[in-house]
Protein backbone atom coordinates (compact mmCIF):
# COMPACT_ATOMS: atom_id res chain seq x y z
CA MET A 1 0.00 0.00 0.00
CA LYS A 2 2.85 2.34 0.85
CA LYS A 3 4.46 1.77 -2.54
CA MET A 4 1.15 2.60 -4.23
CA LEU A 5 0.94 5.86 -2.31
CA VAL A 6 4.50 6.73 -3.28
CA ALA A 7 3.82 5.99 -6.95
CA PHE A 8 0.67 8.09 -6.90
CA GLY A 9 2.53 10.85 -5.12
CA LEU A 10 5.20 10.93 -7.79
CA LEU A 11 2.55 11.29 -10.47
CA CYS A 12 0.99 14.13 -8.51
CA LEU A 13 4.23 16.07 -8.09
CA PRO A 14 4.07 18.45 -11.04
CA PHE A 15 0.50 19.49 -10.30
CA PHE A 16 0.76 19.85 -6.54
CA VAL A 17 3.79 22.06 -6.72
CA SER A 18 3.00 24.13 -9.81
CA ALA A 19 -0.44 25.31 -8.80
CA HIS A 20 0.38 28.82 -9.96
CA THR A 21 2.94 30.23 -12.34
CA ARG A 22 6.30 30.76 -10.67
CA TRP A 23 5.24 28.81 -7.55
CA PHE A 24 3.60 31.85 -5.89
CA ALA A 25 6.91 33.75 -5.97
CA GLU A 26 6.21 37.47 -5.70
CA GLU A 27 9.72 38.64 -6.54
CA GLU A 28 12.87 37.55 -8.30
CA LEU A 29 14.83 34.91 -6.41
CA GLU A 30 18.55 34.25 -6.22
CA PRO A 31 19.73 31.16 -8.16
CA PHE A 32 19.73 28.08 -5.97
CA HIS A 33 23.02 26.30 -5.31
CA THR A 34 23.27 22.85 -3.78
CA THR A 35 25.79 20.18 -2.88
CA GLU A 36 23.30 17.39 -3.57
CA PRO A 37 24.07 15.03 -6.50
CA THR A 38 22.02 16.73 -9.19
CA VAL A 39 23.49 14.63 -12.00
CA LEU A 40 22.63 11.42 -10.16
CA TYR A 41 19.06 12.57 -9.50
CA LEU A 42 18.51 13.48 -13.15
CA ALA A 43 20.17 10.29 -14.38
CA VAL A 44 17.80 8.17 -12.30
CA TRP A 45 14.81 10.10 -13.61
CA ALA A 46 16.14 9.77 -17.17
CA VAL A 47 16.24 5.98 -16.77
CA ILE A 48 12.70 6.00 -15.35
CA ALA A 49 11.47 8.20 -18.21
CA ILE A 50 13.12 6.07 -20.92
CA THR A 51 11.62 2.92 -19.40
CA ILE A 52 8.13 4.41 -19.30
CA LEU A 53 8.46 5.76 -22.85
CA TYR A 54 9.57 2.34 -24.10
CA MET A 55 6.60 0.66 -22.44
CA ALA A 56 4.28 3.33 -23.84
CA VAL A 57 5.56 2.71 -27.37
CA LYS A 58 4.92 -1.03 -27.04
CA PHE A 59 1.45 -0.48 -25.60
CA HIS A 60 0.72 2.01 -28.38
CA GLU A 61 1.78 -0.35 -31.15
CA LYS A 62 -0.43 -3.12 -29.80
CA GLY A 63 -3.37 -0.86 -28.95
CA ILE A 64 -3.28 -1.79 -25.25
CA LEU A 65 -5.12 0.54 -22.86
CA ARG A 66 -6.37 2.69 -25.69
CA LEU A 67 -9.63 3.41 -23.81
CA ALA A 68 -11.41 3.95 -27.14
CA TRP A 69 -14.76 3.21 -25.46
CA LEU A 70 -14.64 6.72 -23.97
CA LYS A 71 -15.25 8.31 -27.37
CA PRO A 72 -18.89 9.43 -27.73
CA LYS A 73 -20.90 7.74 -30.48
CA LYS A 74 -23.48 10.46 -31.08
CA PRO A 75 -23.22 12.61 -34.23
CA HIS A 76 -21.42 15.95 -33.92
CA ALA A 77 -20.25 15.19 -30.37
CA TYR A 78 -16.76 16.42 -31.21
CA GLU A 79 -18.03 19.66 -32.75
CA ARG A 80 -20.19 20.35 -29.69
CA ALA A 81 -17.28 19.59 -27.40
CA ALA A 82 -15.09 21.96 -29.42
CA SER A 83 -17.66 24.74 -29.00
CA THR A 84 -17.77 24.08 -25.27
CA PHE A 85 -13.97 24.23 -25.13
CA THR A 86 -14.07 27.58 -26.91
CA MET A 87 -16.47 28.98 -24.31
CA VAL A 88 -14.38 27.65 -21.43
CA ALA A 89 -11.27 29.21 -22.94
CA GLY A 90 -13.20 32.44 -23.35
CA SER A 91 -14.10 32.40 -19.66
CA PHE A 92 -10.44 32.03 -18.75
CA PHE A 93 -9.27 34.89 -20.98
CA LEU A 94 -12.02 37.09 -19.56
CA ILE A 95 -10.98 36.25 -15.99
CA ALA A 96 -7.30 36.81 -16.81
CA GLY A 97 -8.02 40.15 -18.43
CA THR A 98 -10.20 41.45 -15.60
CA HIS A 99 -7.42 40.46 -13.17
CA GLU A 100 -5.01 42.49 -15.30
CA TYR A 101 -2.65 39.81 -16.51
CA LEU A 102 -2.02 38.25 -19.92
CA PHE A 103 -2.37 34.45 -20.12
CA SER A 104 -0.65 33.77 -16.75
CA PRO A 105 -0.33 35.73 -13.48
CA ASN A 106 3.37 36.55 -13.93
CA GLN A 107 2.62 38.33 -17.23
CA SER A 108 1.21 41.53 -15.80
CA ILE A 109 1.56 45.22 -16.55
CA GLU A 110 4.41 45.36 -14.03
CA ALA A 111 6.22 42.67 -16.04
CA GLY A 112 6.03 44.77 -19.19
CA VAL A 113 2.71 43.78 -20.77
CA PRO A 114 1.03 46.76 -22.48
CA TYR A 115 -2.42 47.47 -21.09
CA TYR A 116 -3.98 47.36 -24.54
CA LEU A 117 -3.07 43.67 -24.90
CA ILE A 118 -4.97 42.91 -21.71
CA VAL A 119 -7.97 44.79 -23.08
CA VAL A 120 -7.69 42.83 -26.35
CA GLN A 121 -7.64 39.63 -24.30
CA ILE A 122 -10.91 40.63 -22.60
CA PHE A 123 -12.63 41.19 -25.94
CA ILE A 124 -11.27 37.86 -27.22
CA GLY A 125 -12.75 36.14 -24.17
CA LEU A 126 -16.12 37.76 -24.78
CA ALA A 127 -16.04 36.79 -28.46
CA PHE A 128 -15.33 33.16 -27.55
CA LEU A 129 -18.09 33.11 -24.95
CA LEU A 130 -20.73 34.68 -27.16
CA GLY A 131 -19.66 33.06 -30.41
CA ILE A 132 -19.16 36.35 -32.22
CA ALA A 133 -16.33 36.44 -34.79
CA THR A 134 -14.84 33.45 -32.99
CA ARG A 135 -12.36 32.42 -35.67
CA THR A 136 -11.26 36.00 -36.31
CA SER A 137 -10.73 36.44 -32.57
CA ALA A 138 -8.67 33.24 -32.51
CA ILE A 139 -6.37 34.68 -35.18
CA ILE A 140 -6.01 37.83 -33.07
CA LEU A 141 -5.24 35.63 -30.06
CA ALA A 142 -2.41 33.94 -31.96
CA LEU A 143 -1.00 37.34 -32.93
CA THR A 144 -1.29 38.48 -29.30
CA TRP A 145 0.72 35.44 -28.21
CA LEU A 146 3.36 36.23 -30.83
CA SER A 147 3.69 39.75 -29.43
CA THR A 148 4.82 38.33 -26.07
CA PHE A 149 8.14 37.38 -27.71
CA TYR A 150 8.80 41.10 -28.04
CA TYR A 151 7.38 42.33 -24.75
CA LEU A 152 8.30 39.45 -22.40
CA GLY A 153 10.97 37.38 -24.13
CA TYR A 154 11.02 33.92 -25.65
CA VAL A 155 10.95 32.03 -22.34
CA SER A 156 7.66 33.53 -21.22
CA ALA A 157 6.22 33.08 -24.71
CA LEU A 158 7.17 29.41 -24.85
CA GLU A 159 5.78 28.80 -21.36
CA ASP A 160 2.42 29.88 -22.75
CA VAL A 161 2.65 28.03 -26.07
CA TRP A 162 -0.69 26.44 -25.13
CA VAL A 163 -2.22 29.79 -26.12
CA LEU A 164 -1.05 29.28 -29.70
CA SER A 165 -2.41 25.73 -29.92
CA THR A 166 -5.68 26.91 -28.36
CA ALA A 167 -5.91 29.75 -30.89
CA ILE A 168 -5.29 27.36 -33.80
CA PHE A 169 -7.82 24.85 -32.47
CA ILE A 170 -10.51 27.52 -32.08
CA ALA A 171 -9.70 29.09 -35.44
CA ILE A 172 -10.33 25.70 -37.05
CA MET A 173 -13.31 24.49 -34.98
CA GLY A 174 -14.93 27.75 -33.85
CA ASN A 175 -18.01 28.00 -31.65
CA ASP A 176 -20.70 26.99 -34.10
CA TYR A 177 -23.17 25.37 -31.69
CA PHE A 178 -23.54 28.05 -29.02
CA SER A 179 -22.95 31.22 -31.02
CA LEU A 180 -25.07 34.34 -31.27
CA ILE A 181 -23.95 34.91 -34.85
CA SER A 182 -23.64 31.77 -36.96
CA PHE A 183 -22.03 33.39 -40.00
CA SER A 184 -18.27 32.89 -40.26
CA TYR A 185 -16.12 33.74 -43.26
CA PHE A 186 -13.24 31.57 -42.05
CA LYS A 187 -15.37 28.47 -41.40
CA LYS A 188 -15.09 27.23 -44.97
CA VAL A 189 -11.46 28.33 -45.18
CA PHE A 190 -10.39 26.25 -42.17
CA LYS A 191 -12.78 23.32 -42.58
CA PRO A 192 -10.23 21.12 -44.44
CA PHE A 193 -8.02 21.31 -41.35
CA ASN A 194 -10.63 19.94 -38.92
CA ARG A 195 -8.84 16.60 -38.70
CA TYR A 196 -5.68 18.31 -37.44
CA ALA A 197 -7.24 20.50 -34.72
CA LEU A 198 -7.20 18.05 -31.80
CA SER A 199 -3.65 16.90 -32.55
CA ILE A 200 -2.46 20.51 -32.56
CA LEU A 201 -4.13 21.03 -29.19
CA ARG A 202 -2.36 17.91 -27.90
CA LEU A 203 1.00 19.16 -29.11
CA GLY A 204 0.53 22.56 -27.49
CA THR A 205 -0.51 21.05 -24.17
CA GLY A 206 2.45 18.69 -24.16
CA ALA A 207 4.92 21.41 -25.20
CA THR A 208 3.72 23.62 -22.36
CA LEU A 209 4.31 20.85 -19.80
CA VAL A 210 7.80 20.18 -21.16
CA THR A 211 8.72 23.87 -21.20
CA LEU A 212 7.48 24.52 -17.66
CA GLY A 213 9.22 21.37 -16.43
CA PHE A 214 12.52 22.84 -17.56
CA THR A 215 12.11 26.58 -16.95
CA GLU A 216 10.30 26.51 -13.61
CA LYS A 217 11.84 23.41 -12.07
CA LEU A 218 14.97 21.83 -13.52
CA LEU A 219 16.62 25.09 -14.56
CA SER A 220 15.20 27.28 -11.77
CA PRO A 221 14.71 25.13 -8.65
CA GLU A 222 14.84 28.22 -6.46
CA PHE A 223 11.13 28.85 -7.12
CA GLY A 224 10.20 25.41 -5.82
CA MET A 225 12.56 25.63 -2.88
CA ASN A 226 11.07 28.97 -1.88
CA PHE A 227 7.56 27.55 -2.15
CA LEU A 228 8.37 24.52 -0.01
CA LYS A 229 9.80 26.76 2.70
CA LEU A 230 6.44 28.52 2.89
CA HIS A 231 4.26 25.43 2.46
CA ASP A 232 5.07 21.98 3.80
CA TRP A 233 3.98 20.04 0.71
CA ASN A 234 6.87 17.60 0.50
CA PHE A 235 4.65 14.61 1.26
CA MET A 236 7.43 12.21 0.31
CA GLN A 237 9.08 12.98 3.63
CA ALA A 238 5.77 12.31 5.38
CA LEU A 239 5.90 8.81 3.90
CA GLY A 240 9.20 8.26 5.68
CA LEU A 241 11.42 8.60 2.60
CA PRO A 242 14.72 10.52 2.61
CA TYR A 243 13.38 12.88 -0.04
CA SER A 244 14.91 16.36 0.13
CA ASP A 245 13.03 19.43 -1.03
CA TYR A 246 15.53 19.80 -3.86
CA LEU A 247 14.90 16.26 -5.08
CA PHE A 248 11.18 16.91 -4.76
CA VAL A 249 11.46 19.90 -7.12
CA LEU A 250 13.58 18.00 -9.64
CA SER A 251 11.12 15.11 -9.51
CA ALA A 252 8.27 17.51 -10.22
CA GLY A 253 10.02 18.83 -13.30
CA SER A 254 10.97 15.35 -14.49
CA VAL A 255 7.42 14.00 -14.23
CA GLU A 256 6.02 17.10 -15.92
CA ILE A 257 8.46 16.72 -18.81
CA LEU A 258 7.67 13.00 -19.11
CA LEU A 259 3.92 13.60 -19.30
CA GLY A 260 4.48 16.36 -21.83
CA LEU A 261 6.61 14.10 -23.99
CA LEU A 262 3.97 11.38 -23.92
CA LEU A 263 1.40 13.89 -25.18
CA ILE A 264 3.70 15.26 -27.88
CA LEU A 265 4.50 11.75 -29.11
CA GLY A 266 0.82 10.77 -28.96
CA LEU A 267 1.52 7.79 -26.70
CA MET A 268 -1.27 6.53 -24.42
CA THR A 269 -2.93 9.92 -24.70
CA ARG A 270 -6.12 8.97 -22.89
CA ILE A 271 -4.24 7.38 -19.98
CA VAL A 272 -2.01 10.46 -19.63
CA ALA A 273 -5.02 12.76 -19.89
CA LEU A 274 -6.87 10.70 -17.28
CA VAL A 275 -3.98 10.98 -14.83
CA ILE A 276 -3.75 14.73 -15.40
CA ALA A 277 -7.52 15.23 -15.12
CA ILE A 278 -7.69 13.37 -11.80
CA ILE A 279 -4.75 15.21 -10.33
CA PHE A 280 -5.96 18.60 -11.59
CA THR A 281 -8.87 18.29 -9.18
CA ILE A 282 -6.71 17.71 -6.10
CA PRO A 283 -5.49 21.33 -5.64
CA LEU A 284 -9.16 22.41 -5.59
CA PHE A 285 -9.47 20.90 -2.11
CA ILE A 286 -6.31 22.69 -0.99
CA LEU A 287 -6.41 26.05 -2.73
CA GLY A 288 -10.10 26.47 -3.43
CA PRO A 289 -12.10 27.34 -6.58
CA ILE A 290 -9.61 30.01 -7.69
CA GLU A 291 -7.29 27.15 -8.65
CA LEU A 292 -9.86 25.89 -11.16
CA ALA A 293 -10.30 29.37 -12.63
CA GLY A 294 -6.55 29.58 -13.23
CA HIS A 295 -6.46 26.29 -15.11
CA LEU A 296 -9.75 26.32 -17.03
CA PRO A 297 -8.33 25.99 -20.58
CA HIS A 298 -5.77 23.39 -19.48
CA PHE A 299 -8.43 21.29 -17.78
CA ALA A 300 -10.75 21.62 -20.78
CA ALA A 301 -7.97 20.57 -23.18
CA VAL A 302 -7.16 17.54 -21.05
CA VAL A 303 -10.83 16.51 -20.99
CA LEU A 304 -11.00 16.78 -24.79
CA LEU A 305 -7.94 14.55 -25.11
CA LEU A 306 -9.37 12.10 -22.59
CA ILE A 307 -12.66 11.76 -24.48
CA PHE A 308 -11.52 11.99 -28.10
CA GLY A 309 -7.93 10.76 -27.89
CA SER A 310 -4.78 12.00 -29.58
CA GLY A 311 -6.41 13.20 -32.78
CA GLY A 312 -4.48 10.66 -34.88
CA ARG A 313 -2.24 13.23 -36.56
CA PHE A 314 1.42 14.15 -36.00
CA MET A 315 2.08 10.73 -34.50
CA PHE A 316 5.71 9.72 -34.07
CA PHE A 317 5.16 5.96 -33.94
CA HIS A 318 3.08 3.38 -35.77
CA ARG A 319 -0.67 3.84 -35.64
CA TYR A 320 -2.84 1.44 -33.69
CA ASN A 321 -3.45 -1.97 -35.21
CA ASP A 322 -7.23 -2.13 -34.78
CA SER A 323 -7.23 -5.91 -35.03
CA LYS A 324 -5.18 -6.07 -31.87
CA VAL A 325 -6.82 -3.27 -29.89
CA ARG A 326 -7.55 -4.22 -26.30
CA VAL A 327 -9.44 -1.65 -24.25
């Protein structure tokens, strides 16, 4: 039983300790220096990651644990789900804008974000919610994300690459089922790309996890160390394991990168999404509803991947052999 708790705890690491961008840090922190064997820690995690990736490839090739029964059978279920995703994303952008930050809390006016971009974000959120010029607004959202390279630098832009994949997904799928205005010039233009939309969303979600695993954890452990000094969330020690706070932070980054890689490669997408969806709900009991508001588009994207799978495009390994699929 104890081993099961430890395993579950390791899976939970990236989501427990990255509840908010920059680990609740309110100011710049000094780089963290340690005498602990960093290379050894990362080498062990590399072996674990390679082993899991190898198993995932084998499972993928044989169609094991595909969970295809989760996919709805009713007509237009995917299109309706896409419209719902658009509205959820719109709610998030509206909340972010009214709280005066762009995409994530660390990208505020104080950080160098022009106020007009925040206003644009609010209008984009409203457009997504109401279904007015949804695809046009998605194009504007993509351009807004591109502008963060100039105003905030490439690191901040890449940490929010999910915004680009969300913009592309919405530009392709739109909000056609819950819109006030059904006419859309770009609907016919983007319709041939419908089969790529979900895969693009998967790639963006995975790339965000990988980026944050590196930038906020492996390369900048000081944020995690500062957080753990303020909040005693190193539950590995509570299990009686000699697990330092530094190792805890590196483990968080390693697991986050691993899950992101699995999504990017399209391996066991539903299983990965299921794990993420379950764990996304845990901080709600610790931090309250505001935690859900801060992760609305991420949670919605994970649910889409859980229900509809990887999208079947941009796969890096052999497709499923349907004759051997075992749910």
